[in-house]
Amino acid sequence: MILVDANAILRFILYDNHDMAVEVCKLLEKNKVFLRYEVIAEIVYVLHKVYMMPKTEIGDCIKKVLKLTNVDTESEEILFLALEKYAMVNIDFIDCILCGFNEIYGFKVLHLTKSSFQC
């Protein structure tokens, strides 16, 4: 199993560097890879803040990656819920992941900022 960083998945999604994108495509075809929550959160951040991609499009792109046969993650169910929530509300993606834990496992979420949210 190979841990993949955000830049590799960004090249795959954006296909903005042909050589790197092809290399990542080959890697994903031939190897089992693992995407951690932190990596997905960085991908979401870069696509939204740097590339100004709409939240719904970000969710669609990441879901396609997660559905690839050789891609595994900690919990696809939590990530899919987080991506859906992220597209609908104005909170950070990490907070959306916490809401996924709330919805699936019943964990309470403590959020100590002025702009509090509810899952």
PDB file of N, CA and C in Angstrom:
ATOM      1  N   MET A   1       0.857  -1.177   0.000  1.00  0.00           N
ATOM      2  CA  MET A   1       0.000   0.000   0.000  1.00  0.00           C
ATOM      3  C   MET A   1       0.902   1.238   0.000  1.00  0.00           C
ATOM      4  N   ILE A   2       0.517   2.214  -0.813  1.00  0.00           N
ATOM      5  CA  ILE A   2       1.303   3.444  -0.950  1.00  0.00           C
ATOM      6  C   ILE A   2       0.485   4.611  -0.430  1.00  0.00           C
ATOM      7  N   LEU A   3       1.079   5.420   0.443  1.00  0.00           N
ATOM      8  CA  LEU A   3       0.453   6.677   0.855  1.00  0.00           C
ATOM      9  C   LEU A   3       0.693   7.707  -0.242  1.00  0.00           C
ATOM     10  N   VAL A   4      -0.358   8.382  -0.653  1.00  0.00           N
ATOM     11  CA  VAL A   4      -0.257   9.362  -1.734  1.00  0.00           C
ATOM     12  C   VAL A   4      -0.468  10.752  -1.167  1.00  0.00           C
ATOM     13  N   ASP A   5       0.362  11.705  -1.615  1.00  0.00           N
ATOM     14  CA  ASP A   5       0.228  13.066  -1.109  1.00  0.00           C
ATOM     15  C   ASP A   5      -0.744  13.880  -1.963  1.00  0.00           C
ATOM     16  N   ALA A   6      -1.069  15.064  -1.473  1.00  0.00           N
ATOM     17  CA  ALA A   6      -2.054  15.926  -2.137  1.00  0.00           C
ATOM     18  C   ALA A   6      -1.613  16.325  -3.538  1.00  0.00           C
ATOM     19  N   ASN A   7      -0.340  16.622  -3.711  1.00  0.00           N
ATOM     20  CA  ASN A   7       0.132  17.068  -5.023  1.00  0.00           C
ATOM     21  C   ASN A   7      -0.084  16.008  -6.104  1.00  0.00           C
ATOM     22  N   ALA A   8       0.098  14.754  -5.762  1.00  0.00           N
ATOM     23  CA  ALA A   8      -0.117  13.692  -6.743  1.00  0.00           C
ATOM     24  C   ALA A   8      -1.580  13.652  -7.173  1.00  0.00           C
ATOM     25  N   ILE A   9      -2.487  13.718  -6.206  1.00  0.00           N
ATOM     26  CA  ILE A   9      -3.909  13.670  -6.539  1.00  0.00           C
ATOM     27  C   ILE A   9      -4.337  14.942  -7.267  1.00  0.00           C
ATOM     28  N   LEU A  10      -3.759  16.070  -6.895  1.00  0.00           N
ATOM     29  CA  LEU A  10      -4.070  17.320  -7.613  1.00  0.00           C
ATOM     30  C   LEU A  10      -3.657  17.229  -9.074  1.00  0.00           C
ATOM     31  N   ARG A  11      -2.485  16.653  -9.349  1.00  0.00           N
ATOM     32  CA  ARG A  11      -2.052  16.491 -10.747  1.00  0.00           C
ATOM     33  C   ARG A  11      -3.027  15.585 -11.493  1.00  0.00           C
ATOM     34  N   PHE A  12      -3.491  14.538 -10.821  1.00  0.00           N
ATOM     35  CA  PHE A  12      -4.448  13.595 -11.406  1.00  0.00           C
ATOM     36  C   PHE A  12      -5.782  14.292 -11.712  1.00  0.00           C
ATOM     37  N   ILE A  13      -6.284  15.077 -10.767  1.00  0.00           N
ATOM     38  CA  ILE A  13      -7.565  15.766 -10.939  1.00  0.00           C
ATOM     39  C   ILE A  13      -7.462  16.873 -11.983  1.00  0.00           C
ATOM     40  N   LEU A  14      -6.433  17.689 -11.864  1.00  0.00           N
ATOM     41  CA  LEU A  14      -6.319  18.884 -12.715  1.00  0.00           C
ATOM     42  C   LEU A  14      -5.698  18.601 -14.079  1.00  0.00           C
ATOM     43  N   TYR A  15      -4.894  17.572 -14.142  1.00  0.00           N
ATOM     44  CA  TYR A  15      -4.144  17.207 -15.353  1.00  0.00           C
ATOM     45  C   TYR A  15      -3.428  18.434 -15.922  1.00  0.00           C
ATOM     46  N   ASP A  16      -2.805  19.212 -15.014  1.00  0.00           N
ATOM     47  CA  ASP A  16      -2.130  20.454 -15.408  1.00  0.00           C
ATOM     48  C   ASP A  16      -0.644  20.251 -15.705  1.00  0.00           C
ATOM     49  N   ASN A  17      -0.151  19.062 -15.455  1.00  0.00           N
ATOM     50  CA  ASN A  17       1.210  18.698 -15.814  1.00  0.00           C
ATOM     51  C   ASN A  17       1.123  17.288 -16.395  1.00  0.00           C
ATOM     52  N   HIS A  18       1.231  17.206 -17.704  1.00  0.00           N
ATOM     53  CA  HIS A  18       0.990  15.939 -18.403  1.00  0.00           C
ATOM     54  C   HIS A  18       1.841  14.793 -17.853  1.00  0.00           C
ATOM     55  N   ASP A  19       3.138  15.012 -17.721  1.00  0.00           N
ATOM     56  CA  ASP A  19       4.032  13.935 -17.276  1.00  0.00           C
ATOM     57  C   ASP A  19       3.678  13.439 -15.877  1.00  0.00           C
ATOM     58  N   MET A  20       3.427  14.378 -14.968  1.00  0.00           N
ATOM     59  CA  MET A  20       3.082  13.982 -13.601  1.00  0.00           C
ATOM     60  C   MET A  20       1.716  13.297 -13.555  1.00  0.00           C
ATOM     61  N   ALA A  21       0.772  13.807 -14.322  1.00  0.00           N
ATOM     62  CA  ALA A  21      -0.569  13.201 -14.339  1.00  0.00           C
ATOM     63  C   ALA A  21      -0.509  11.771 -14.856  1.00  0.00           C
ATOM     64  N   VAL A  22       0.265  11.546 -15.901  1.00  0.00           N
ATOM     65  CA  VAL A  22       0.419  10.190 -16.448  1.00  0.00           C
ATOM     66  C   VAL A  22       1.075   9.275 -15.419  1.00  0.00           C
ATOM     67  N   GLU A  23       2.079   9.784 -14.730  1.00  0.00           N
ATOM     68  CA  GLU A  23       2.751   8.993 -13.695  1.00  0.00           C
ATOM     69  C   GLU A  23       1.778   8.593 -12.593  1.00  0.00           C
ATOM     70  N   VAL A  24       0.935   9.531 -12.166  1.00  0.00           N
ATOM     71  CA  VAL A  24      -0.043   9.225 -11.115  1.00  0.00           C
ATOM     72  C   VAL A  24      -1.089   8.238 -11.637  1.00  0.00           C
ATOM     73  N   CYS A  25      -1.534   8.409 -12.873  1.00  0.00           N
ATOM     74  CA  CYS A  25      -2.494   7.467 -13.474  1.00  0.00           C
ATOM     75  C   CYS A  25      -1.940   6.051 -13.452  1.00  0.00           C
ATOM     76  N   LYS A  26      -0.688   5.895 -13.852  1.00  0.00           N
ATOM     77  CA  LYS A  26      -0.054   4.570 -13.848  1.00  0.00           C
ATOM     78  C   LYS A  26       0.030   4.014 -12.430  1.00  0.00           C
ATOM     79  N   LEU A  27       0.396   4.865 -11.484  1.00  0.00           N
ATOM     80  CA  LEU A  27       0.484   4.446 -10.087  1.00  0.00           C
ATOM     81  C   LEU A  27      -0.871   3.943  -9.604  1.00  0.00           C
ATOM     82  N   LEU A  28      -1.931   4.690  -9.898  1.00  0.00           N
ATOM     83  CA  LEU A  28      -3.266   4.325  -9.434  1.00  0.00           C
ATOM     84  C   LEU A  28      -3.792   3.056 -10.109  1.00  0.00           C
ATOM     85  N   GLU A  29      -3.337   2.791 -11.312  1.00  0.00           N
ATOM     86  CA  GLU A  29      -3.770   1.586 -12.020  1.00  0.00           C
ATOM     87  C   GLU A  29      -3.103   0.325 -11.477  1.00  0.00           C
ATOM     88  N   LYS A  30      -1.842   0.442 -11.038  1.00  0.00           N
ATOM     89  CA  LYS A  30      -1.047  -0.737 -10.709  1.00  0.00           C
ATOM     90  C   LYS A  30      -0.839  -0.986  -9.223  1.00  0.00           C
ATOM     91  N   ASN A  31      -1.215  -0.037  -8.379  1.00  0.00           N
ATOM     92  CA  ASN A  31      -0.911  -0.146  -6.952  1.00  0.00           C
ATOM     93  C   ASN A  31      -2.114   0.215  -6.097  1.00  0.00           C
ATOM     94  N   LYS A  32      -2.176  -0.404  -4.924  1.00  0.00           N
ATOM     95  CA  LYS A  32      -3.148   0.012  -3.918  1.00  0.00           C
ATOM     96  C   LYS A  32      -2.582   1.258  -3.257  1.00  0.00           C
ATOM     97  N   VAL A  33      -3.404   2.313  -3.194  1.00  0.00           N
ATOM     98  CA  VAL A  33      -2.959   3.553  -2.553  1.00  0.00           C
ATOM     99  C   VAL A  33      -3.930   3.908  -1.437  1.00  0.00           C
ATOM    100  N   PHE A  34      -3.424   4.683  -0.494  1.00  0.00           N
ATOM    101  CA  PHE A  34      -4.210   5.076   0.669  1.00  0.00           C
ATOM    102  C   PHE A  34      -4.198   6.593   0.785  1.00  0.00           C
ATOM    103  N   LEU A  35      -5.391   7.173   0.887  1.00  0.00           N
ATOM    104  CA  LEU A  35      -5.521   8.615   1.068  1.00  0.00           C
ATOM    105  C   LEU A  35      -6.015   8.904   2.473  1.00  0.00           C
ATOM    106  N   ARG A  36      -5.218   9.626   3.227  1.00  0.00           N
ATOM    107  CA  ARG A  36      -5.598   9.995   4.590  1.00  0.00           C
ATOM    108  C   ARG A  36      -6.501  11.225   4.563  1.00  0.00           C
ATOM    109  N   TYR A  37      -7.255  11.413   5.645  1.00  0.00           N
ATOM    110  CA  TYR A  37      -8.140  12.584   5.756  1.00  0.00           C
ATOM    111  C   TYR A  37      -7.369  13.889   5.546  1.00  0.00           C
ATOM    112  N   GLU A  38      -6.170  13.948   6.125  1.00  0.00           N
ATOM    113  CA  GLU A  38      -5.372  15.181   6.039  1.00  0.00           C
ATOM    114  C   GLU A  38      -5.047  15.528   4.587  1.00  0.00           C
ATOM    115  N   VAL A  39      -4.755  14.521   3.810  1.00  0.00           N
ATOM    116  CA  VAL A  39      -4.415  14.730   2.400  1.00  0.00           C
ATOM    117  C   VAL A  39      -5.647  15.218   1.642  1.00  0.00           C
ATOM    118  N   ILE A  40      -6.776  14.600   1.903  1.00  0.00           N
ATOM    119  CA  ILE A  40      -8.000  15.018   1.220  1.00  0.00           C
ATOM    120  C   ILE A  40      -8.364  16.446   1.625  1.00  0.00           C
ATOM    121  N   ALA A  41      -8.181  16.785   2.894  1.00  0.00           N
ATOM    122  CA  ALA A  41      -8.461  18.154   3.341  1.00  0.00           C
ATOM    123  C   ALA A  41      -7.554  19.160   2.620  1.00  0.00           C
ATOM    124  N   GLU A  42      -6.298  18.805   2.422  1.00  0.00           N
ATOM    125  CA  GLU A  42      -5.392  19.699   1.691  1.00  0.00           C
ATOM    126  C   GLU A  42      -5.823  19.843   0.236  1.00  0.00           C
ATOM    127  N   ILE A  43      -6.265  18.760  -0.378  1.00  0.00           N
ATOM    128  CA  ILE A  43      -6.750  18.810  -1.760  1.00  0.00           C
ATOM    129  C   ILE A  43      -7.954  19.742  -1.853  1.00  0.00           C
ATOM    130  N   VAL A  44      -8.894  19.588  -0.930  1.00  0.00           N
ATOM    131  CA  VAL A  44     -10.083  20.450  -0.909  1.00  0.00           C
ATOM    132  C   VAL A  44      -9.669  21.909  -0.781  1.00  0.00           C
ATOM    133  N   TYR A  45      -8.770  22.183   0.149  1.00  0.00           N
ATOM    134  CA  TYR A  45      -8.319  23.560   0.377  1.00  0.00           C
ATOM    135  C   TYR A  45      -7.686  24.148  -0.891  1.00  0.00           C
ATOM    136  N   VAL A  46      -6.780  23.424  -1.515  1.00  0.00           N
ATOM    137  CA  VAL A  46      -6.086  23.926  -2.708  1.00  0.00           C
ATOM    138  C   VAL A  46      -7.058  24.128  -3.868  1.00  0.00           C
ATOM    139  N   LEU A  47      -7.942  23.183  -4.084  1.00  0.00           N
ATOM    140  CA  LEU A  47      -8.896  23.326  -5.188  1.00  0.00           C
ATOM    141  C   LEU A  47      -9.811  24.527  -4.975  1.00  0.00           C
ATOM    142  N   HIS A  48     -10.198  24.757  -3.732  1.00  0.00           N
ATOM    143  CA  HIS A  48     -11.108  25.869  -3.447  1.00  0.00           C
ATOM    144  C   HIS A  48     -10.396  27.220  -3.413  1.00  0.00           C
ATOM    145  N   LYS A  49      -9.309  27.298  -2.666  1.00  0.00           N
ATOM    146  CA  LYS A  49      -8.637  28.595  -2.448  1.00  0.00           C
ATOM    147  C   LYS A  49      -7.698  28.989  -3.580  1.00  0.00           C
ATOM    148  N   VAL A  50      -6.995  28.049  -4.162  1.00  0.00           N
ATOM    149  CA  VAL A  50      -6.017  28.369  -5.206  1.00  0.00           C
ATOM    150  C   VAL A  50      -6.652  28.329  -6.595  1.00  0.00           C
ATOM    151  N   TYR A  51      -7.418  27.269  -6.856  1.00  0.00           N
ATOM    152  CA  TYR A  51      -7.998  27.097  -8.191  1.00  0.00           C
ATOM    153  C   TYR A  51      -9.425  27.621  -8.308  1.00  0.00           C
ATOM    154  N   MET A  52      -9.971  28.116  -7.195  1.00  0.00           N
ATOM    155  CA  MET A  52     -11.314  28.709  -7.159  1.00  0.00           C
ATOM    156  C   MET A  52     -12.395  27.776  -7.724  1.00  0.00           C
ATOM    157  N   MET A  53     -12.221  26.498  -7.501  1.00  0.00           N
ATOM    158  CA  MET A  53     -13.169  25.504  -7.985  1.00  0.00           C
ATOM    159  C   MET A  53     -14.410  25.535  -7.089  1.00  0.00           C
ATOM    160  N   PRO A  54     -15.589  25.485  -7.675  1.00  0.00           N
ATOM    161  CA  PRO A  54     -16.814  25.434  -6.853  1.00  0.00           C
ATOM    162  C   PRO A  54     -16.838  24.196  -5.965  1.00  0.00           C
ATOM    163  N   LYS A  55     -17.447  24.343  -4.800  1.00  0.00           N
ATOM    164  CA  LYS A  55     -17.464  23.254  -3.824  1.00  0.00           C
ATOM    165  C   LYS A  55     -18.104  21.983  -4.364  1.00  0.00           C
ATOM    166  N   THR A  56     -19.163  22.115  -5.141  1.00  0.00           N
ATOM    167  CA  THR A  56     -19.812  20.917  -5.684  1.00  0.00           C
ATOM    168  C   THR A  56     -18.889  20.184  -6.650  1.00  0.00           C
ATOM    169  N   GLU A  57     -18.128  20.932  -7.434  1.00  0.00           N
ATOM    170  CA  GLU A  57     -17.187  20.317  -8.373  1.00  0.00           C
ATOM    171  C   GLU A  57     -16.047  19.627  -7.618  1.00  0.00           C
ATOM    172  N   ILE A  58     -15.606  20.259  -6.538  1.00  0.00           N
ATOM    173  CA  ILE A  58     -14.567  19.647  -5.701  1.00  0.00           C
ATOM    174  C   ILE A  58     -15.057  18.294  -5.194  1.00  0.00           C
ATOM    175  N   GLY A  59     -16.270  18.270  -4.679  1.00  0.00           N
ATOM    176  CA  GLY A  59     -16.833  17.021  -4.177  1.00  0.00           C
ATOM    177  C   GLY A  59     -16.907  15.957  -5.255  1.00  0.00           C
ATOM    178  N   ASP A  60     -17.350  16.350  -6.445  1.00  0.00           N
ATOM    179  CA  ASP A  60     -17.443  15.393  -7.553  1.00  0.00           C
ATOM    180  C   ASP A  60     -16.073  14.816  -7.908  1.00  0.00           C
ATOM    181  N   CYS A  61     -15.067  15.678  -7.980  1.00  0.00           N
ATOM    182  CA  CYS A  61     -13.705  15.230  -8.329  1.00  0.00           C
ATOM    183  C   CYS A  61     -13.160  14.247  -7.297  1.00  0.00           C
ATOM    184  N   ILE A  62     -13.311  14.596  -6.034  1.00  0.00           N
ATOM    185  CA  ILE A  62     -12.756  13.736  -4.983  1.00  0.00           C
ATOM    186  C   ILE A  62     -13.526  12.422  -4.888  1.00  0.00           C
ATOM    187  N   LYS A  63     -14.823  12.477  -5.070  1.00  0.00           N
ATOM    188  CA  LYS A  63     -15.609  11.239  -5.050  1.00  0.00           C
ATOM    189  C   LYS A  63     -15.163  10.297  -6.159  1.00  0.00           C
ATOM    190  N   LYS A  64     -14.872  10.835  -7.332  1.00  0.00           N
ATOM    191  CA  LYS A  64     -14.389   9.999  -8.444  1.00  0.00           C
ATOM    192  C   LYS A  64     -13.072   9.320  -8.080  1.00  0.00           C
ATOM    193  N   VAL A  65     -12.190  10.063  -7.418  1.00  0.00           N
ATOM    194  CA  VAL A  65     -10.915   9.482  -6.993  1.00  0.00           C
ATOM    195  C   VAL A  65     -11.159   8.376  -5.972  1.00  0.00           C
ATOM    196  N   LEU A  66     -12.020   8.646  -4.993  1.00  0.00           N
ATOM    197  CA  LEU A  66     -12.279   7.664  -3.941  1.00  0.00           C
ATOM    198  C   LEU A  66     -12.941   6.393  -4.469  1.00  0.00           C
ATOM    199  N   LYS A  67     -13.656   6.504  -5.566  1.00  0.00           N
ATOM    200  CA  LYS A  67     -14.337   5.337  -6.144  1.00  0.00           C
ATOM    201  C   LYS A  67     -13.413   4.465  -6.997  1.00  0.00           C
ATOM    202  N   LEU A  68     -12.195   4.939  -7.263  1.00  0.00           N
ATOM    203  CA  LEU A  68     -11.260   4.129  -8.039  1.00  0.00           C
ATOM    204  C   LEU A  68     -10.950   2.840  -7.287  1.00  0.00           C
ATOM    205  N   THR A  69     -10.812   1.769  -8.021  1.00  0.00           N
ATOM    206  CA  THR A  69     -10.623   0.437  -7.444  1.00  0.00           C
ATOM    207  C   THR A  69      -9.442   0.362  -6.487  1.00  0.00           C
ATOM    208  N   ASN A  70      -8.330   0.967  -6.825  1.00  0.00           N
ATOM    209  CA  ASN A  70      -7.108   0.837  -6.025  1.00  0.00           C
ATOM    210  C   ASN A  70      -6.937   1.919  -4.962  1.00  0.00           C
ATOM    211  N   VAL A  71      -7.959   2.736  -4.750  1.00  0.00           N
ATOM    212  CA  VAL A  71      -7.858   3.810  -3.761  1.00  0.00           C
ATOM    213  C   VAL A  71      -8.635   3.423  -2.513  1.00  0.00           C
ATOM    214  N   ASP A  72      -7.969   3.569  -1.374  1.00  0.00           N
ATOM    215  CA  ASP A  72      -8.601   3.270  -0.098  1.00  0.00           C
ATOM    216  C   ASP A  72      -8.400   4.464   0.827  1.00  0.00           C
ATOM    217  N   THR A  73      -9.264   4.574   1.823  1.00  0.00           N
ATOM    218  CA  THR A  73      -9.175   5.657   2.790  1.00  0.00           C
ATOM    219  C   THR A  73      -9.691   5.171   4.132  1.00  0.00           C
ATOM    220  N   GLU A  74      -9.613   6.041   5.128  1.00  0.00           N
ATOM    221  CA  GLU A  74     -10.030   5.639   6.468  1.00  0.00           C
ATOM    222  C   GLU A  74     -11.522   5.321   6.534  1.00  0.00           C
ATOM    223  N   SER A  75     -12.358   6.149   5.924  1.00  0.00           N
ATOM    224  CA  SER A  75     -13.793   5.891   5.877  1.00  0.00           C
ATOM    225  C   SER A  75     -14.395   6.657   4.706  1.00  0.00           C
ATOM    226  N   GLU A  76     -14.697   5.927   3.662  1.00  0.00           N
ATOM    227  CA  GLU A  76     -15.324   6.545   2.492  1.00  0.00           C
ATOM    228  C   GLU A  76     -16.678   7.139   2.875  1.00  0.00           C
ATOM    229  N   GLU A  77     -17.387   6.477   3.770  1.00  0.00           N
ATOM    230  CA  GLU A  77     -18.711   6.949   4.189  1.00  0.00           C
ATOM    231  C   GLU A  77     -18.625   8.328   4.849  1.00  0.00           C
ATOM    232  N   ILE A  78     -17.672   8.500   5.742  1.00  0.00           N
ATOM    233  CA  ILE A  78     -17.498   9.797   6.399  1.00  0.00           C
ATOM    234  C   ILE A  78     -17.097  10.852   5.377  1.00  0.00           C
ATOM    235  N   LEU A  79     -16.199  10.515   4.482  1.00  0.00           N
ATOM    236  CA  LEU A  79     -15.747  11.492   3.486  1.00  0.00           C
ATOM    237  C   LEU A  79     -16.867  11.901   2.535  1.00  0.00           C
ATOM    238  N   PHE A  80     -17.682  10.951   2.125  1.00  0.00           N
ATOM    239  CA  PHE A  80     -18.798  11.293   1.236  1.00  0.00           C
ATOM    240  C   PHE A  80     -19.782  12.220   1.944  1.00  0.00           C
ATOM    241  N   LEU A  81     -20.080  11.938   3.215  1.00  0.00           N
ATOM    242  CA  LEU A  81     -20.942  12.833   3.993  1.00  0.00           C
ATOM    243  C   LEU A  81     -20.309  14.217   4.130  1.00  0.00           C
ATOM    244  N   ALA A  82     -19.013  14.247   4.414  1.00  0.00           N
ATOM    245  CA  ALA A  82     -18.302  15.516   4.572  1.00  0.00           C
ATOM    246  C   ALA A  82     -18.323  16.330   3.283  1.00  0.00           C
ATOM    247  N   LEU A  83     -18.119  15.675   2.153  1.00  0.00           N
ATOM    248  CA  LEU A  83     -18.132  16.376   0.872  1.00  0.00           C
ATOM    249  C   LEU A  83     -19.522  16.913   0.545  1.00  0.00           C
ATOM    250  N   GLU A  84     -20.551  16.169   0.890  1.00  0.00           N
ATOM    251  CA  GLU A  84     -21.922  16.652   0.672  1.00  0.00           C
ATOM    252  C   GLU A  84     -22.195  17.881   1.537  1.00  0.00           C
ATOM    253  N   LYS A  85     -21.819  17.806   2.800  1.00  0.00           N
ATOM    254  CA  LYS A  85     -22.045  18.929   3.717  1.00  0.00           C
ATOM    255  C   LYS A  85     -21.234  20.142   3.283  1.00  0.00           C
ATOM    256  N   TYR A  86     -20.000  19.920   2.889  1.00  0.00           N
ATOM    257  CA  TYR A  86     -19.116  21.004   2.449  1.00  0.00           C
ATOM    258  C   TYR A  86     -19.724  21.783   1.285  1.00  0.00           C
ATOM    259  N   ALA A  87     -20.398  21.094   0.394  1.00  0.00           N
ATOM    260  CA  ALA A  87     -21.015  21.743  -0.761  1.00  0.00           C
ATOM    261  C   ALA A  87     -22.242  22.570  -0.362  1.00  0.00           C
ATOM    262  N   MET A  88     -22.845  22.248   0.783  1.00  0.00           N
ATOM    263  CA  MET A  88     -24.104  22.894   1.169  1.00  0.00           C
ATOM    264  C   MET A  88     -23.970  23.998   2.206  1.00  0.00           C
ATOM    265  N   VAL A  89     -22.915  23.971   3.010  1.00  0.00           N
ATOM    266  CA  VAL A  89     -22.810  24.928   4.113  1.00  0.00           C
ATOM    267  C   VAL A  89     -21.484  25.678   4.042  1.00  0.00           C
ATOM    268  N   ASN A  90     -21.408  26.739   4.803  1.00  0.00           N
ATOM    269  CA  ASN A  90     -20.204  27.569   4.789  1.00  0.00           C
ATOM    270  C   ASN A  90     -19.328  27.273   6.007  1.00  0.00           C
ATOM    271  N   ILE A  91     -18.800  26.042   6.067  1.00  0.00           N
ATOM    272  CA  ILE A  91     -17.840  25.687   7.110  1.00  0.00           C
ATOM    273  C   ILE A  91     -16.663  24.968   6.460  1.00  0.00           C
ATOM    274  N   ASP A  92     -15.551  24.926   7.190  1.00  0.00           N
ATOM    275  CA  ASP A  92     -14.348  24.281   6.675  1.00  0.00           C
ATOM    276  C   ASP A  92     -14.576  22.784   6.470  1.00  0.00           C
ATOM    277  N   PHE A  93     -13.803  22.221   5.554  1.00  0.00           N
ATOM    278  CA  PHE A  93     -13.935  20.804   5.250  1.00  0.00           C
ATOM    279  C   PHE A  93     -13.625  19.934   6.464  1.00  0.00           C
ATOM    280  N   ILE A  94     -12.641  20.310   7.247  1.00  0.00           N
ATOM    281  CA  ILE A  94     -12.310  19.526   8.454  1.00  0.00           C
ATOM    282  C   ILE A  94     -13.512  19.472   9.392  1.00  0.00           C
ATOM    283  N   ASP A  95     -14.222  20.584   9.541  1.00  0.00           N
ATOM    284  CA  ASP A  95     -15.424  20.586  10.368  1.00  0.00           C
ATOM    285  C   ASP A  95     -16.487  19.667   9.767  1.00  0.00           C
ATOM    286  N   CYS A  96     -16.541  19.594   8.452  1.00  0.00           N
ATOM    287  CA  CYS A  96     -17.479  18.682   7.795  1.00  0.00           C
ATOM    288  C   CYS A  96     -17.130  17.225   8.088  1.00  0.00           C
ATOM    289  N   ILE A  97     -15.838  16.929   8.166  1.00  0.00           N
ATOM    290  CA  ILE A  97     -15.426  15.569   8.543  1.00  0.00           C
ATOM    291  C   ILE A  97     -15.884  15.267   9.968  1.00  0.00           C
ATOM    292  N   LEU A  98     -15.711  16.229  10.873  1.00  0.00           N
ATOM    293  CA  LEU A  98     -16.169  16.038  12.249  1.00  0.00           C
ATOM    294  C   LEU A  98     -17.676  15.791  12.280  1.00  0.00           C
ATOM    295  N   CYS A  99     -18.417  16.513  11.458  1.00  0.00           N
ATOM    296  CA  CYS A  99     -19.864  16.292  11.379  1.00  0.00           C
ATOM    297  C   CYS A  99     -20.170  14.884  10.868  1.00  0.00           C
ATOM    298  N   GLY A 100     -19.337  14.368   9.978  1.00  0.00           N
ATOM    299  CA  GLY A 100     -19.502  12.992   9.514  1.00  0.00           C
ATOM    300  C   GLY A 100     -19.359  12.005  10.659  1.00  0.00           C
ATOM    301  N   PHE A 101     -18.369  12.240  11.522  1.00  0.00           N
ATOM    302  CA  PHE A 101     -18.208  11.388  12.707  1.00  0.00           C
ATOM    303  C   PHE A 101     -19.423  11.514  13.624  1.00  0.00           C
ATOM    304  N   ASN A 102     -19.959  12.722  13.725  1.00  0.00           N
ATOM    305  CA  ASN A 102     -21.151  12.943  14.531  1.00  0.00           C
ATOM    306  C   ASN A 102     -22.320  12.151  13.980  1.00  0.00           C
ATOM    307  N   GLU A 103     -22.532  12.244  12.674  1.00  0.00           N
ATOM    308  CA  GLU A 103     -23.683  11.592  12.058  1.00  0.00           C
ATOM    309  C   GLU A 103     -23.568  10.068  12.075  1.00  0.00           C
ATOM    310  N   ILE A 104     -22.387   9.550  11.814  1.00  0.00           N
ATOM    311  CA  ILE A 104     -22.229   8.096  11.705  1.00  0.00           C
ATOM    312  C   ILE A 104     -22.041   7.430  13.069  1.00  0.00           C
ATOM    313  N   TYR A 105     -21.210   8.040  13.916  1.00  0.00           N
ATOM    314  CA  TYR A 105     -20.881   7.406  15.200  1.00  0.00           C
ATOM    315  C   TYR A 105     -21.520   8.075  16.405  1.00  0.00           C
ATOM    316  N   GLY A 106     -22.187   9.199  16.188  1.00  0.00           N
ATOM    317  CA  GLY A 106     -22.829   9.891  17.293  1.00  0.00           C
ATOM    318  C   GLY A 106     -21.879  10.699  18.165  1.00  0.00           C
ATOM    319  N   PHE A 107     -20.649  10.913  17.697  1.00  0.00           N
ATOM    320  CA  PHE A 107     -19.704  11.718  18.470  1.00  0.00           C
ATOM    321  C   PHE A 107     -20.204  13.149  18.556  1.00  0.00           C
ATOM    322  N   LYS A 108     -20.115  13.726  19.732  1.00  0.00           N
ATOM    323  CA  LYS A 108     -20.439  15.142  19.877  1.00  0.00           C
ATOM    324  C   LYS A 108     -19.236  15.947  19.378  1.00  0.00           C
ATOM    325  N   VAL A 109     -19.511  17.113  18.799  1.00  0.00           N
ATOM    326  CA  VAL A 109     -18.448  17.963  18.269  1.00  0.00           C
ATOM    327  C   VAL A 109     -18.393  19.236  19.081  1.00  0.00           C
ATOM    328  N   LEU A 110     -17.243  19.499  19.664  1.00  0.00           N
ATOM    329  CA  LEU A 110     -17.014  20.731  20.403  1.00  0.00           C
ATOM    330  C   LEU A 110     -16.289  21.699  19.477  1.00  0.00           C
ATOM    331  N   HIS A 111     -16.879  22.856  19.265  1.00  0.00           N
ATOM    332  CA  HIS A 111     -16.312  23.834  18.341  1.00  0.00           C
ATOM    333  C   HIS A 111     -16.282  25.174  19.065  1.00  0.00           C
ATOM    334  N   LEU A 112     -15.093  25.664  19.393  1.00  0.00           N
ATOM    335  CA  LEU A 112     -14.955  26.860  20.228  1.00  0.00           C
ATOM    336  C   LEU A 112     -14.523  28.087  19.408  1.00  0.00           C
ATOM    337  N   THR A 113     -15.385  28.559  18.559  1.00  0.00           N
ATOM    338  CA  THR A 113     -15.112  29.807  17.845  1.00  0.00           C
ATOM    339  C   THR A 113     -16.375  30.632  17.835  1.00  0.00           C
ATOM    340  N   LYS A 114     -16.221  31.876  17.447  1.00  0.00           N
ATOM    341  CA  LYS A 114     -17.385  32.772  17.379  1.00  0.00           C
ATOM    342  C   LYS A 114     -18.385  32.316  16.343  1.00  0.00           C
ATOM    343  N   SER A 115     -17.886  31.751  15.270  1.00  0.00           N
ATOM    344  CA  SER A 115     -18.793  31.295  14.212  1.00  0.00           C
ATOM    345  C   SER A 115     -19.083  29.802  14.395  1.00  0.00           C
ATOM    346  N   SER A 116     -19.832  29.504  15.446  1.00  0.00           N
ATOM    347  CA  SER A 116     -20.097  28.093  15.722  1.00  0.00           C
ATOM    348  C   SER A 116     -21.058  27.524  14.685  1.00  0.00           C
ATOM    349  N   PHE A 117     -21.060  26.242  14.581  1.00  0.00           N
ATOM    350  CA  PHE A 117     -21.912  25.559  13.622  1.00  0.00           C
ATOM    351  C   PHE A 117     -22.540  24.362  14.325  1.00  0.00           C
ATOM    352  N   GLN A 118     -23.545  23.836  13.690  1.00  0.00           N
ATOM    353  CA  GLN A 118     -24.145  22.601  14.172  1.00  0.00           C
ATOM    354  C   GLN A 118     -24.095  21.581  13.064  1.00  0.00           C
ATOM    355  N   CYS A 119     -23.818  20.358  13.452  1.00  0.00           N
ATOM    356  CA  CYS A 119     -23.785  19.287  12.448  1.00  0.00           C
ATOM    357  C   CYS A 119     -25.187  18.886  12.056  1.00  0.00           C
TER     358      CYS A 119
END
